[in-house]
N, C-alpha and C. Protein backbone atom coordinates (compact mmCIF):
# COMPACT_ATOMS: atom_id res chain seq x y z
N MET A 1 0.85 -1.19 0.00
CA MET A 1 0.00 0.00 0.00
C MET A 1 0.89 1.25 0.00
N THR A 2 0.61 2.17 -0.86
CA THR A 2 1.39 3.40 -0.96
C THR A 2 1.03 4.33 0.20
N ARG A 3 2.04 4.79 0.92
CA ARG A 3 1.81 5.67 2.06
C ARG A 3 1.85 7.13 1.62
N VAL A 4 1.01 7.93 2.24
CA VAL A 4 1.00 9.36 1.96
C VAL A 4 2.22 9.99 2.62
N ARG A 5 2.90 10.86 1.90
CA ARG A 5 4.09 11.53 2.45
C ARG A 5 3.64 12.61 3.45
N LEU A 6 4.14 12.52 4.67
CA LEU A 6 3.75 13.44 5.72
C LEU A 6 4.90 14.39 6.05
N ASN A 7 4.56 15.59 6.51
CA ASN A 7 5.61 16.48 6.97
C ASN A 7 6.06 16.03 8.36
N VAL A 8 7.08 16.68 8.90
CA VAL A 8 7.66 16.23 10.16
C VAL A 8 6.64 16.23 11.30
N ALA A 9 5.87 17.30 11.43
CA ALA A 9 4.89 17.39 12.51
C ALA A 9 3.83 16.31 12.37
N GLN A 10 3.35 16.09 11.17
CA GLN A 10 2.33 15.07 10.94
C GLN A 10 2.87 13.68 11.25
N ARG A 11 4.12 13.43 10.82
CA ARG A 11 4.72 12.12 11.08
C ARG A 11 4.88 11.88 12.57
N ARG A 12 5.34 12.88 13.30
CA ARG A 12 5.52 12.72 14.75
C ARG A 12 4.19 12.44 15.43
N GLU A 13 3.14 13.15 15.00
CA GLU A 13 1.83 12.92 15.61
C GLU A 13 1.34 11.50 15.30
N GLU A 14 1.56 11.04 14.09
CA GLU A 14 1.16 9.68 13.72
C GLU A 14 1.90 8.66 14.59
N LEU A 15 3.19 8.87 14.78
CA LEU A 15 3.98 7.96 15.61
C LEU A 15 3.54 8.00 17.07
N LEU A 16 3.21 9.18 17.56
CA LEU A 16 2.75 9.30 18.95
C LEU A 16 1.41 8.60 19.15
N ARG A 17 0.49 8.76 18.20
CA ARG A 17 -0.80 8.08 18.30
C ARG A 17 -0.60 6.57 18.32
N ALA A 18 0.28 6.08 17.44
CA ALA A 18 0.55 4.65 17.39
C ALA A 18 1.19 4.16 18.68
N ALA A 19 2.09 4.97 19.24
CA ALA A 19 2.74 4.60 20.50
C ALA A 19 1.73 4.50 21.63
N VAL A 20 0.80 5.45 21.70
CA VAL A 20 -0.24 5.40 22.72
C VAL A 20 -1.05 4.11 22.59
N GLU A 21 -1.44 3.76 21.39
CA GLU A 21 -2.22 2.54 21.15
C GLU A 21 -1.43 1.29 21.55
N GLN A 22 -0.15 1.26 21.24
CA GLN A 22 0.67 0.10 21.57
C GLN A 22 0.91 -0.01 23.08
N ILE A 23 1.07 1.13 23.74
CA ILE A 23 1.24 1.11 25.20
C ILE A 23 -0.02 0.59 25.87
N GLU A 24 -1.19 1.05 25.38
CA GLU A 24 -2.46 0.57 25.94
C GLU A 24 -2.61 -0.93 25.75
N ALA A 25 -2.16 -1.43 24.61
CA ALA A 25 -2.33 -2.85 24.29
C ALA A 25 -1.29 -3.73 24.97
N ARG A 26 -0.04 -3.27 25.07
CA ARG A 26 1.07 -4.11 25.52
C ARG A 26 1.64 -3.74 26.89
N GLY A 27 1.44 -2.49 27.30
CA GLY A 27 2.06 -2.03 28.53
C GLY A 27 3.39 -1.36 28.24
N VAL A 28 3.80 -0.47 29.14
CA VAL A 28 5.03 0.29 28.95
C VAL A 28 6.25 -0.62 28.88
N ALA A 29 6.34 -1.59 29.78
CA ALA A 29 7.52 -2.45 29.86
C ALA A 29 7.69 -3.30 28.60
N ALA A 30 6.58 -3.77 28.04
CA ALA A 30 6.66 -4.71 26.92
C ALA A 30 6.74 -4.04 25.56
N VAL A 31 6.24 -2.83 25.44
CA VAL A 31 6.19 -2.19 24.13
C VAL A 31 7.59 -1.93 23.59
N ARG A 32 7.78 -2.11 22.29
CA ARG A 32 9.08 -1.92 21.64
C ARG A 32 8.96 -0.92 20.50
N ILE A 33 10.07 -0.35 20.13
CA ILE A 33 10.12 0.52 18.96
C ILE A 33 9.55 -0.23 17.76
N ALA A 34 9.91 -1.51 17.65
CA ALA A 34 9.46 -2.33 16.52
C ALA A 34 7.95 -2.47 16.47
N ASP A 35 7.29 -2.47 17.63
CA ASP A 35 5.82 -2.59 17.67
C ASP A 35 5.18 -1.35 17.05
N VAL A 36 5.71 -0.19 17.39
CA VAL A 36 5.17 1.06 16.86
C VAL A 36 5.42 1.13 15.35
N ALA A 37 6.62 0.77 14.94
CA ALA A 37 6.96 0.80 13.52
C ALA A 37 6.08 -0.16 12.73
N SER A 38 5.91 -1.37 13.26
CA SER A 38 5.10 -2.38 12.57
C SER A 38 3.65 -1.95 12.44
N ALA A 39 3.12 -1.29 13.47
CA ALA A 39 1.72 -0.85 13.45
C ALA A 39 1.46 0.12 12.31
N LEU A 40 2.49 0.87 11.92
CA LEU A 40 2.35 1.88 10.86
C LEU A 40 2.96 1.44 9.54
N GLY A 41 3.64 0.30 9.54
CA GLY A 41 4.28 -0.16 8.32
C GLY A 41 5.48 0.68 7.93
N VAL A 42 6.22 1.15 8.95
CA VAL A 42 7.43 1.94 8.68
C VAL A 42 8.61 1.24 9.33
N SER A 43 9.80 1.75 9.10
CA SER A 43 11.00 1.14 9.64
C SER A 43 11.28 1.59 11.07
N ASN A 44 12.03 0.75 11.81
CA ASN A 44 12.47 1.15 13.15
C ASN A 44 13.29 2.43 13.08
N ALA A 45 14.08 2.54 12.01
CA ALA A 45 14.96 3.70 11.86
C ALA A 45 14.15 5.00 11.79
N LEU A 46 12.99 4.95 11.16
CA LEU A 46 12.17 6.15 11.05
C LEU A 46 11.68 6.58 12.43
N VAL A 47 11.26 5.62 13.24
CA VAL A 47 10.81 5.94 14.59
C VAL A 47 11.96 6.54 15.39
N LEU A 48 13.14 5.93 15.28
CA LEU A 48 14.30 6.41 16.02
C LEU A 48 14.81 7.75 15.51
N TYR A 49 14.51 8.07 14.26
CA TYR A 49 14.88 9.38 13.72
C TYR A 49 14.13 10.49 14.46
N HIS A 50 12.86 10.22 14.75
CA HIS A 50 12.02 11.22 15.43
C HIS A 50 12.14 11.14 16.95
N PHE A 51 12.38 9.95 17.48
CA PHE A 51 12.48 9.75 18.93
C PHE A 51 13.69 8.85 19.16
N SER A 52 14.75 9.40 19.64
CA SER A 52 16.04 8.69 19.67
C SER A 52 16.08 7.45 20.54
N THR A 53 15.18 7.35 21.53
CA THR A 53 15.15 6.18 22.40
C THR A 53 13.70 5.78 22.68
N LYS A 54 13.52 4.58 23.15
CA LYS A 54 12.18 4.13 23.54
C LYS A 54 11.65 5.01 24.68
N GLU A 55 12.52 5.34 25.64
CA GLU A 55 12.10 6.15 26.78
C GLU A 55 11.57 7.51 26.34
N LYS A 56 12.24 8.11 25.36
CA LYS A 56 11.77 9.41 24.86
C LYS A 56 10.44 9.26 24.13
N LEU A 57 10.30 8.20 23.35
CA LEU A 57 9.04 7.96 22.64
C LEU A 57 7.90 7.78 23.64
N VAL A 58 8.13 6.98 24.67
CA VAL A 58 7.09 6.71 25.66
C VAL A 58 6.69 7.97 26.40
N SER A 59 7.67 8.75 26.88
CA SER A 59 7.34 9.96 27.64
C SER A 59 6.60 10.97 26.76
N GLU A 60 7.00 11.10 25.50
CA GLU A 60 6.31 12.04 24.61
C GLU A 60 4.93 11.53 24.22
N ALA A 61 4.76 10.21 24.17
CA ALA A 61 3.43 9.65 23.88
C ALA A 61 2.47 9.96 25.02
N PHE A 62 2.95 9.86 26.25
CA PHE A 62 2.10 10.20 27.39
C PHE A 62 1.81 11.69 27.42
N ALA A 63 2.79 12.51 27.08
CA ALA A 63 2.56 13.96 27.03
C ALA A 63 1.51 14.30 25.97
N TYR A 64 1.56 13.60 24.85
CA TYR A 64 0.58 13.79 23.78
C TYR A 64 -0.82 13.43 24.27
N ALA A 65 -0.93 12.28 24.93
CA ALA A 65 -2.23 11.85 25.46
C ALA A 65 -2.73 12.82 26.53
N ALA A 66 -1.81 13.30 27.37
CA ALA A 66 -2.18 14.23 28.43
C ALA A 66 -2.74 15.52 27.86
N GLU A 67 -2.09 16.06 26.83
CA GLU A 67 -2.55 17.31 26.25
C GLU A 67 -3.93 17.16 25.62
N ASP A 68 -4.19 16.00 25.05
CA ASP A 68 -5.51 15.74 24.48
C ASP A 68 -6.57 15.77 25.57
N ASP A 69 -6.26 15.13 26.71
CA ASP A 69 -7.20 15.13 27.83
C ASP A 69 -7.39 16.53 28.41
N LEU A 70 -6.29 17.25 28.55
CA LEU A 70 -6.38 18.59 29.12
C LEU A 70 -7.14 19.55 28.21
N ALA A 71 -7.00 19.38 26.92
CA ALA A 71 -7.75 20.22 25.98
C ALA A 71 -9.25 19.98 26.15
N HIS A 72 -9.63 18.72 26.33
CA HIS A 72 -11.06 18.42 26.52
C HIS A 72 -11.53 18.97 27.86
N LEU A 73 -10.70 18.85 28.90
CA LEU A 73 -11.06 19.38 30.21
C LEU A 73 -11.28 20.89 30.13
N ARG A 74 -10.36 21.60 29.46
CA ARG A 74 -10.51 23.05 29.33
C ARG A 74 -11.81 23.40 28.60
N LYS A 75 -12.17 22.59 27.63
CA LYS A 75 -13.41 22.83 26.90
C LYS A 75 -14.62 22.68 27.82
N LEU A 76 -14.62 21.64 28.65
CA LEU A 76 -15.73 21.42 29.57
C LEU A 76 -15.82 22.53 30.62
N LEU A 77 -14.68 22.91 31.18
CA LEU A 77 -14.68 23.89 32.25
C LEU A 77 -14.86 25.31 31.72
N GLY A 78 -14.69 25.51 30.42
CA GLY A 78 -14.83 26.84 29.84
C GLY A 78 -16.20 27.14 29.27
N ARG A 79 -17.12 26.20 29.41
CA ARG A 79 -18.46 26.42 28.87
C ARG A 79 -19.15 27.60 29.55
N ARG A 80 -20.05 28.24 28.82
CA ARG A 80 -20.80 29.36 29.38
C ARG A 80 -22.05 28.83 30.08
N THR A 81 -21.85 28.30 31.26
CA THR A 81 -22.96 27.78 32.04
C THR A 81 -22.55 27.85 33.51
N SER A 82 -23.39 27.35 34.39
CA SER A 82 -23.10 27.46 35.82
C SER A 82 -21.87 26.64 36.20
N ALA A 83 -21.24 27.02 37.31
CA ALA A 83 -20.09 26.28 37.80
C ALA A 83 -20.49 24.85 38.16
N LEU A 84 -21.68 24.68 38.72
CA LEU A 84 -22.15 23.35 39.09
C LEU A 84 -22.23 22.44 37.87
N ARG A 85 -22.80 22.95 36.79
CA ARG A 85 -22.92 22.13 35.59
C ARG A 85 -21.56 21.81 34.99
N ARG A 86 -20.64 22.76 35.05
CA ARG A 86 -19.31 22.51 34.51
C ARG A 86 -18.56 21.47 35.35
N LEU A 87 -18.69 21.58 36.67
CA LEU A 87 -18.06 20.59 37.55
C LEU A 87 -18.65 19.21 37.32
N ARG A 88 -19.96 19.15 37.25
CA ARG A 88 -20.64 17.88 37.03
C ARG A 88 -20.16 17.24 35.72
N ALA A 89 -20.08 18.03 34.67
CA ALA A 89 -19.65 17.50 33.38
C ALA A 89 -18.21 17.02 33.43
N ALA A 90 -17.33 17.79 34.07
CA ALA A 90 -15.91 17.41 34.14
C ALA A 90 -15.70 16.15 34.96
N VAL A 91 -16.36 16.08 36.11
CA VAL A 91 -16.19 14.92 36.98
C VAL A 91 -16.76 13.67 36.33
N ARG A 92 -17.90 13.79 35.69
CA ARG A 92 -18.49 12.61 35.04
C ARG A 92 -17.68 12.18 33.83
N TRP A 93 -17.06 13.11 33.13
CA TRP A 93 -16.21 12.76 32.01
C TRP A 93 -14.95 12.05 32.50
N TYR A 94 -14.33 12.57 33.55
CA TYR A 94 -13.08 12.03 34.08
C TYR A 94 -13.29 10.69 34.78
N ALA A 95 -14.44 10.49 35.37
CA ALA A 95 -14.71 9.27 36.13
C ALA A 95 -14.54 8.03 35.25
N PRO A 96 -14.19 6.88 35.86
CA PRO A 96 -14.02 5.65 35.07
C PRO A 96 -15.30 5.17 34.41
N THR A 97 -16.43 5.75 34.79
CA THR A 97 -17.70 5.41 34.13
C THR A 97 -17.97 6.35 32.95
N GLY A 98 -17.11 7.33 32.75
CA GLY A 98 -17.34 8.32 31.70
C GLY A 98 -16.56 8.03 30.43
N GLN A 99 -16.34 9.10 29.64
CA GLN A 99 -15.71 8.95 28.32
C GLN A 99 -14.29 9.53 28.28
N ALA A 100 -13.64 9.61 29.42
CA ALA A 100 -12.31 10.21 29.45
C ALA A 100 -11.26 9.28 28.87
N LYS A 101 -10.03 9.61 29.14
CA LYS A 101 -8.88 8.86 28.68
C LYS A 101 -8.98 7.37 28.94
N GLY A 102 -8.18 6.58 28.21
CA GLY A 102 -8.12 5.16 28.48
C GLY A 102 -7.42 4.95 29.81
N TRP A 103 -8.15 4.49 30.80
CA TRP A 103 -7.58 4.37 32.12
C TRP A 103 -6.43 3.37 32.17
N ARG A 104 -6.46 2.34 31.32
CA ARG A 104 -5.36 1.38 31.31
C ARG A 104 -4.03 2.09 30.99
N LEU A 105 -4.10 3.05 30.06
CA LEU A 105 -2.91 3.82 29.69
C LEU A 105 -2.35 4.56 30.89
N TRP A 106 -3.23 5.24 31.64
CA TRP A 106 -2.75 6.07 32.73
C TRP A 106 -2.32 5.26 33.93
N ILE A 107 -2.92 4.12 34.16
CA ILE A 107 -2.44 3.25 35.24
C ILE A 107 -1.04 2.75 34.90
N GLU A 108 -0.82 2.42 33.63
CA GLU A 108 0.52 2.05 33.17
C GLU A 108 1.49 3.21 33.40
N GLY A 109 1.04 4.41 33.10
CA GLY A 109 1.89 5.59 33.26
C GLY A 109 2.26 5.84 34.70
N TRP A 110 1.30 5.71 35.61
CA TRP A 110 1.58 5.90 37.03
C TRP A 110 2.63 4.91 37.51
N ALA A 111 2.47 3.65 37.11
CA ALA A 111 3.41 2.62 37.55
C ALA A 111 4.81 2.87 37.00
N ALA A 112 4.89 3.16 35.70
CA ALA A 112 6.19 3.38 35.06
C ALA A 112 6.87 4.65 35.57
N SER A 113 6.08 5.64 35.95
CA SER A 113 6.66 6.91 36.39
C SER A 113 7.44 6.78 37.69
N LEU A 114 7.22 5.70 38.43
CA LEU A 114 7.99 5.48 39.66
C LEU A 114 9.47 5.28 39.34
N ARG A 115 9.76 4.84 38.11
CA ARG A 115 11.14 4.57 37.71
C ARG A 115 11.66 5.52 36.63
N GLU A 116 10.74 6.26 35.98
CA GLU A 116 11.13 7.12 34.86
C GLU A 116 10.84 8.59 35.19
N PRO A 117 11.86 9.38 35.52
CA PRO A 117 11.65 10.79 35.90
C PRO A 117 10.90 11.60 34.84
N ALA A 118 11.20 11.40 33.56
CA ALA A 118 10.54 12.19 32.51
C ALA A 118 9.05 11.88 32.47
N LEU A 119 8.71 10.62 32.62
CA LEU A 119 7.31 10.22 32.61
C LEU A 119 6.61 10.69 33.88
N ARG A 120 7.34 10.68 34.98
CA ARG A 120 6.76 11.15 36.24
C ARG A 120 6.36 12.61 36.13
N GLU A 121 7.16 13.42 35.44
CA GLU A 121 6.83 14.83 35.28
C GLU A 121 5.58 15.01 34.42
N VAL A 122 5.40 14.14 33.42
CA VAL A 122 4.21 14.22 32.57
C VAL A 122 2.96 13.91 33.39
N THR A 123 2.98 12.82 34.15
CA THR A 123 1.79 12.45 34.93
C THR A 123 1.53 13.47 36.04
N ARG A 124 2.60 14.01 36.62
CA ARG A 124 2.44 15.01 37.68
C ARG A 124 1.83 16.29 37.11
N SER A 125 2.27 16.68 35.92
CA SER A 125 1.73 17.89 35.30
C SER A 125 0.25 17.74 34.99
N LEU A 126 -0.13 16.58 34.48
CA LEU A 126 -1.55 16.33 34.20
C LEU A 126 -2.36 16.42 35.48
N ASP A 127 -1.86 15.81 36.54
CA ASP A 127 -2.56 15.82 37.82
C ASP A 127 -2.71 17.24 38.35
N ARG A 128 -1.62 18.01 38.28
CA ARG A 128 -1.67 19.40 38.78
C ARG A 128 -2.68 20.24 38.00
N GLN A 129 -2.66 20.10 36.68
CA GLN A 129 -3.53 20.93 35.85
C GLN A 129 -5.00 20.54 36.02
N TRP A 130 -5.26 19.25 36.18
CA TRP A 130 -6.63 18.80 36.45
C TRP A 130 -7.14 19.39 37.76
N LYS A 131 -6.35 19.27 38.82
CA LYS A 131 -6.77 19.78 40.13
C LYS A 131 -6.91 21.30 40.11
N ALA A 132 -6.01 21.98 39.41
CA ALA A 132 -6.09 23.44 39.33
C ALA A 132 -7.36 23.88 38.62
N GLY A 133 -7.72 23.18 37.54
CA GLY A 133 -8.94 23.51 36.82
C GLY A 133 -10.18 23.32 37.66
N ILE A 134 -10.23 22.20 38.38
CA ILE A 134 -11.38 21.92 39.25
C ILE A 134 -11.44 22.94 40.39
N THR A 135 -10.28 23.25 40.98
CA THR A 135 -10.25 24.22 42.07
C THR A 135 -10.76 25.58 41.62
N GLU A 136 -10.36 26.01 40.44
CA GLU A 136 -10.78 27.31 39.93
C GLU A 136 -12.31 27.39 39.77
N VAL A 137 -12.90 26.34 39.21
CA VAL A 137 -14.36 26.37 39.02
C VAL A 137 -15.07 26.26 40.36
N LEU A 138 -14.51 25.51 41.30
CA LEU A 138 -15.10 25.46 42.64
C LEU A 138 -15.14 26.86 43.25
N MET A 139 -14.06 27.60 43.10
CA MET A 139 -14.00 28.96 43.64
C MET A 139 -15.01 29.87 42.95
N GLU A 140 -15.18 29.69 41.65
CA GLU A 140 -16.18 30.48 40.92
C GLU A 140 -17.58 30.19 41.44
N GLY A 141 -17.87 28.90 41.68
CA GLY A 141 -19.19 28.53 42.17
C GLY A 141 -19.49 29.09 43.55
N VAL A 142 -18.47 29.08 44.41
CA VAL A 142 -18.63 29.65 45.75
C VAL A 142 -18.88 31.15 45.66
N ALA A 143 -18.09 31.83 44.84
CA ALA A 143 -18.23 33.28 44.69
C ALA A 143 -19.60 33.66 44.14
N ALA A 144 -20.16 32.80 43.29
CA ALA A 144 -21.47 33.08 42.69
C ALA A 144 -22.61 32.65 43.60
N GLY A 145 -22.29 32.02 44.73
CA GLY A 145 -23.32 31.58 45.67
C GLY A 145 -24.06 30.33 45.22
N GLU A 146 -23.48 29.57 44.31
CA GLU A 146 -24.15 28.36 43.81
C GLU A 146 -24.10 27.22 44.83
N PHE A 147 -23.00 27.15 45.58
CA PHE A 147 -22.83 26.08 46.56
C PHE A 147 -21.78 26.52 47.58
N ARG A 148 -21.59 25.72 48.61
CA ARG A 148 -20.61 26.00 49.65
C ARG A 148 -19.42 25.05 49.49
N CYS A 149 -18.23 25.57 49.70
CA CYS A 149 -17.03 24.74 49.66
C CYS A 149 -15.94 25.50 50.39
N ALA A 150 -15.67 25.10 51.63
CA ALA A 150 -14.72 25.83 52.46
C ALA A 150 -13.27 25.64 52.02
N ASP A 151 -12.99 24.54 51.32
CA ASP A 151 -11.62 24.21 50.94
C ASP A 151 -11.58 23.67 49.51
N PRO A 152 -11.67 24.56 48.50
CA PRO A 152 -11.70 24.10 47.11
C PRO A 152 -10.52 23.22 46.72
N ALA A 153 -9.32 23.58 47.15
CA ALA A 153 -8.14 22.78 46.80
C ALA A 153 -8.23 21.40 47.42
N GLY A 154 -8.67 21.32 48.65
CA GLY A 154 -8.84 20.03 49.32
C GLY A 154 -9.91 19.20 48.65
N THR A 155 -11.00 19.85 48.25
CA THR A 155 -12.07 19.14 47.55
C THR A 155 -11.56 18.55 46.25
N ALA A 156 -10.76 19.32 45.51
CA ALA A 156 -10.21 18.82 44.25
C ALA A 156 -9.35 17.58 44.48
N ILE A 157 -8.57 17.58 45.55
CA ILE A 157 -7.72 16.43 45.87
C ILE A 157 -8.57 15.22 46.25
N ARG A 158 -9.56 15.43 47.08
CA ARG A 158 -10.40 14.31 47.52
C ARG A 158 -11.18 13.70 46.36
N LEU A 159 -11.74 14.54 45.51
CA LEU A 159 -12.48 14.02 44.36
C LEU A 159 -11.55 13.25 43.42
N THR A 160 -10.35 13.79 43.20
CA THR A 160 -9.40 13.12 42.32
C THR A 160 -8.99 11.77 42.89
N ALA A 161 -8.76 11.72 44.21
CA ALA A 161 -8.37 10.46 44.85
C ALA A 161 -9.47 9.41 44.68
N LEU A 162 -10.71 9.82 44.83
CA LEU A 162 -11.83 8.89 44.65
C LEU A 162 -11.90 8.40 43.21
N LEU A 163 -11.82 9.31 42.26
CA LEU A 163 -11.94 8.95 40.85
C LEU A 163 -10.79 8.05 40.40
N ASP A 164 -9.57 8.40 40.80
CA ASP A 164 -8.42 7.59 40.43
C ASP A 164 -8.50 6.20 41.07
N GLY A 165 -8.90 6.17 42.33
CA GLY A 165 -9.02 4.88 43.02
C GLY A 165 -10.07 3.98 42.39
N LEU A 166 -11.20 4.55 42.02
CA LEU A 166 -12.24 3.77 41.35
C LEU A 166 -11.75 3.27 40.00
N ALA A 167 -10.96 4.11 39.31
CA ALA A 167 -10.43 3.71 38.01
C ALA A 167 -9.54 2.48 38.14
N VAL A 168 -8.70 2.47 39.16
CA VAL A 168 -7.83 1.30 39.39
C VAL A 168 -8.66 0.07 39.67
N GLN A 169 -9.64 0.20 40.57
CA GLN A 169 -10.49 -0.94 40.91
C GLN A 169 -11.23 -1.49 39.69
N MET A 170 -11.79 -0.60 38.90
CA MET A 170 -12.63 -1.03 37.77
C MET A 170 -11.81 -1.50 36.57
N THR A 171 -10.55 -1.04 36.48
CA THR A 171 -9.70 -1.45 35.36
C THR A 171 -8.91 -2.71 35.70
N ALA A 172 -8.31 -2.72 36.89
CA ALA A 172 -7.46 -3.86 37.27
C ALA A 172 -8.28 -5.04 37.79
N TYR A 173 -9.42 -4.76 38.40
CA TYR A 173 -10.23 -5.82 39.00
C TYR A 173 -11.66 -5.72 38.49
N LYS A 174 -11.83 -6.02 37.23
CA LYS A 174 -13.15 -5.88 36.62
C LYS A 174 -14.20 -6.70 37.36
N GLY A 175 -15.36 -6.07 37.56
CA GLY A 175 -16.44 -6.73 38.26
C GLY A 175 -16.48 -6.41 39.73
N THR A 176 -15.41 -5.76 40.26
CA THR A 176 -15.37 -5.43 41.68
C THR A 176 -16.44 -4.39 42.03
N VAL A 177 -16.58 -3.40 41.15
CA VAL A 177 -17.55 -2.32 41.37
C VAL A 177 -18.39 -2.17 40.10
N ALA A 178 -19.69 -2.20 40.24
CA ALA A 178 -20.57 -2.01 39.09
C ALA A 178 -20.52 -0.56 38.65
N ARG A 179 -20.64 -0.32 37.34
CA ARG A 179 -20.58 1.05 36.82
C ARG A 179 -21.62 1.94 37.46
N ALA A 180 -22.85 1.44 37.61
CA ALA A 180 -23.92 2.25 38.19
C ALA A 180 -23.60 2.62 39.63
N ARG A 181 -23.04 1.66 40.38
CA ARG A 181 -22.71 1.93 41.77
C ARG A 181 -21.58 2.95 41.87
N ALA A 182 -20.58 2.82 41.01
CA ALA A 182 -19.47 3.77 41.01
C ALA A 182 -19.96 5.18 40.71
N GLN A 183 -20.90 5.30 39.77
CA GLN A 183 -21.43 6.62 39.44
C GLN A 183 -22.19 7.20 40.61
N GLU A 184 -22.90 6.36 41.35
CA GLU A 184 -23.60 6.83 42.55
C GLU A 184 -22.61 7.39 43.56
N TRP A 185 -21.53 6.68 43.77
CA TRP A 185 -20.51 7.15 44.73
C TRP A 185 -19.91 8.47 44.29
N VAL A 186 -19.65 8.62 43.01
CA VAL A 186 -19.08 9.86 42.49
C VAL A 186 -20.05 11.02 42.71
N ASP A 187 -21.32 10.80 42.36
CA ASP A 187 -22.33 11.85 42.54
C ASP A 187 -22.49 12.21 44.02
N GLU A 188 -22.51 11.18 44.87
CA GLU A 188 -22.67 11.43 46.30
C GLU A 188 -21.50 12.24 46.85
N ALA A 189 -20.29 11.91 46.39
CA ALA A 189 -19.11 12.63 46.86
C ALA A 189 -19.13 14.08 46.41
N LEU A 190 -19.49 14.32 45.17
CA LEU A 190 -19.54 15.68 44.65
C LEU A 190 -20.61 16.48 45.38
N ALA A 191 -21.78 15.90 45.58
CA ALA A 191 -22.85 16.60 46.28
C ALA A 191 -22.44 16.93 47.71
N ARG A 192 -21.80 15.97 48.37
CA ARG A 192 -21.36 16.18 49.76
C ARG A 192 -20.33 17.29 49.84
N GLU A 193 -19.38 17.31 48.92
CA GLU A 193 -18.34 18.34 48.94
C GLU A 193 -18.91 19.73 48.69
N LEU A 194 -19.98 19.80 47.91
CA LEU A 194 -20.55 21.10 47.55
C LEU A 194 -21.69 21.53 48.47
N GLY A 195 -22.09 20.64 49.37
CA GLY A 195 -23.19 20.95 50.27
C GLY A 195 -24.52 21.11 49.55
N VAL A 196 -24.72 20.32 48.49
CA VAL A 196 -25.99 20.37 47.74
C VAL A 196 -26.65 19.00 47.78
N ASP A 197 -27.93 18.99 47.46
CA ASP A 197 -28.64 17.72 47.35
C ASP A 197 -28.19 17.00 46.10
N ARG A 198 -28.10 15.69 46.18
CA ARG A 198 -27.65 14.93 45.01
C ARG A 198 -28.56 15.15 43.81
N ALA A 199 -29.82 15.44 44.05
CA ALA A 199 -30.77 15.68 42.95
C ALA A 199 -30.34 16.86 42.10
N ALA A 200 -29.60 17.79 42.69
CA ALA A 200 -29.13 18.97 41.94
C ALA A 200 -28.18 18.58 40.82
N LEU A 201 -27.54 17.42 40.96
CA LEU A 201 -26.59 16.97 39.96
C LEU A 201 -27.27 16.38 38.73
N THR A 202 -28.54 16.04 38.87
CA THR A 202 -29.27 15.50 37.73
C THR A 202 -30.34 16.45 37.22
N ASP A 203 -30.48 17.59 37.88
CA ASP A 203 -31.46 18.59 37.47
C ASP A 203 -30.97 19.30 36.20
N PRO A 204 -31.68 19.18 35.08
CA PRO A 204 -31.23 19.83 33.84
C PRO A 204 -31.12 21.34 33.95
N LYS A 205 -31.77 21.92 34.95
CA LYS A 205 -31.69 23.37 35.16
C LYS A 205 -30.54 23.75 36.09
N GLY A 206 -29.88 22.72 36.64
CA GLY A 206 -28.83 22.98 37.62
C GLY A 206 -27.55 23.50 37.02
């Protein structure tokens, strides 16, 4: 099959997308340069031309995936609607019951980052930016009188810990927690942190 000639930026993005897919399928430890090259029908040398080592390819693949997630988060939190609705949308998207990133990829990233400083910085940056975005909208909601939250930064940490923990349980130990039950816990936690009735989270006017 004849391949379309891509410019440097397009080629790098293609390689990064393929690397993300291979990491999700094989895991960070098992994935090889050859797997990424084979998935695209290109040579190992081409991959190494753009990313000199497997470690660099992996860290940049996670950075690519992180930016995609953060772009979607910014879109959700930037909507022209109430802070409550924006928070609800962001939390439900990020939750393991939602449509966010492939959780298998990020669990792999967390584990590998314990040994890889470059990857650790990528996962840490994603975590910081997620919490900062949630904290900012929490503060907006408090200022607008939509809900009460004495410690927005603490709330962001607690919600993140719950969501990440549920993601591990539901990804690593399938069947441990039903999707419906997990969503109930997420809604209950958000309502409790905001001092609102859980029904407010499902009210289309909320």
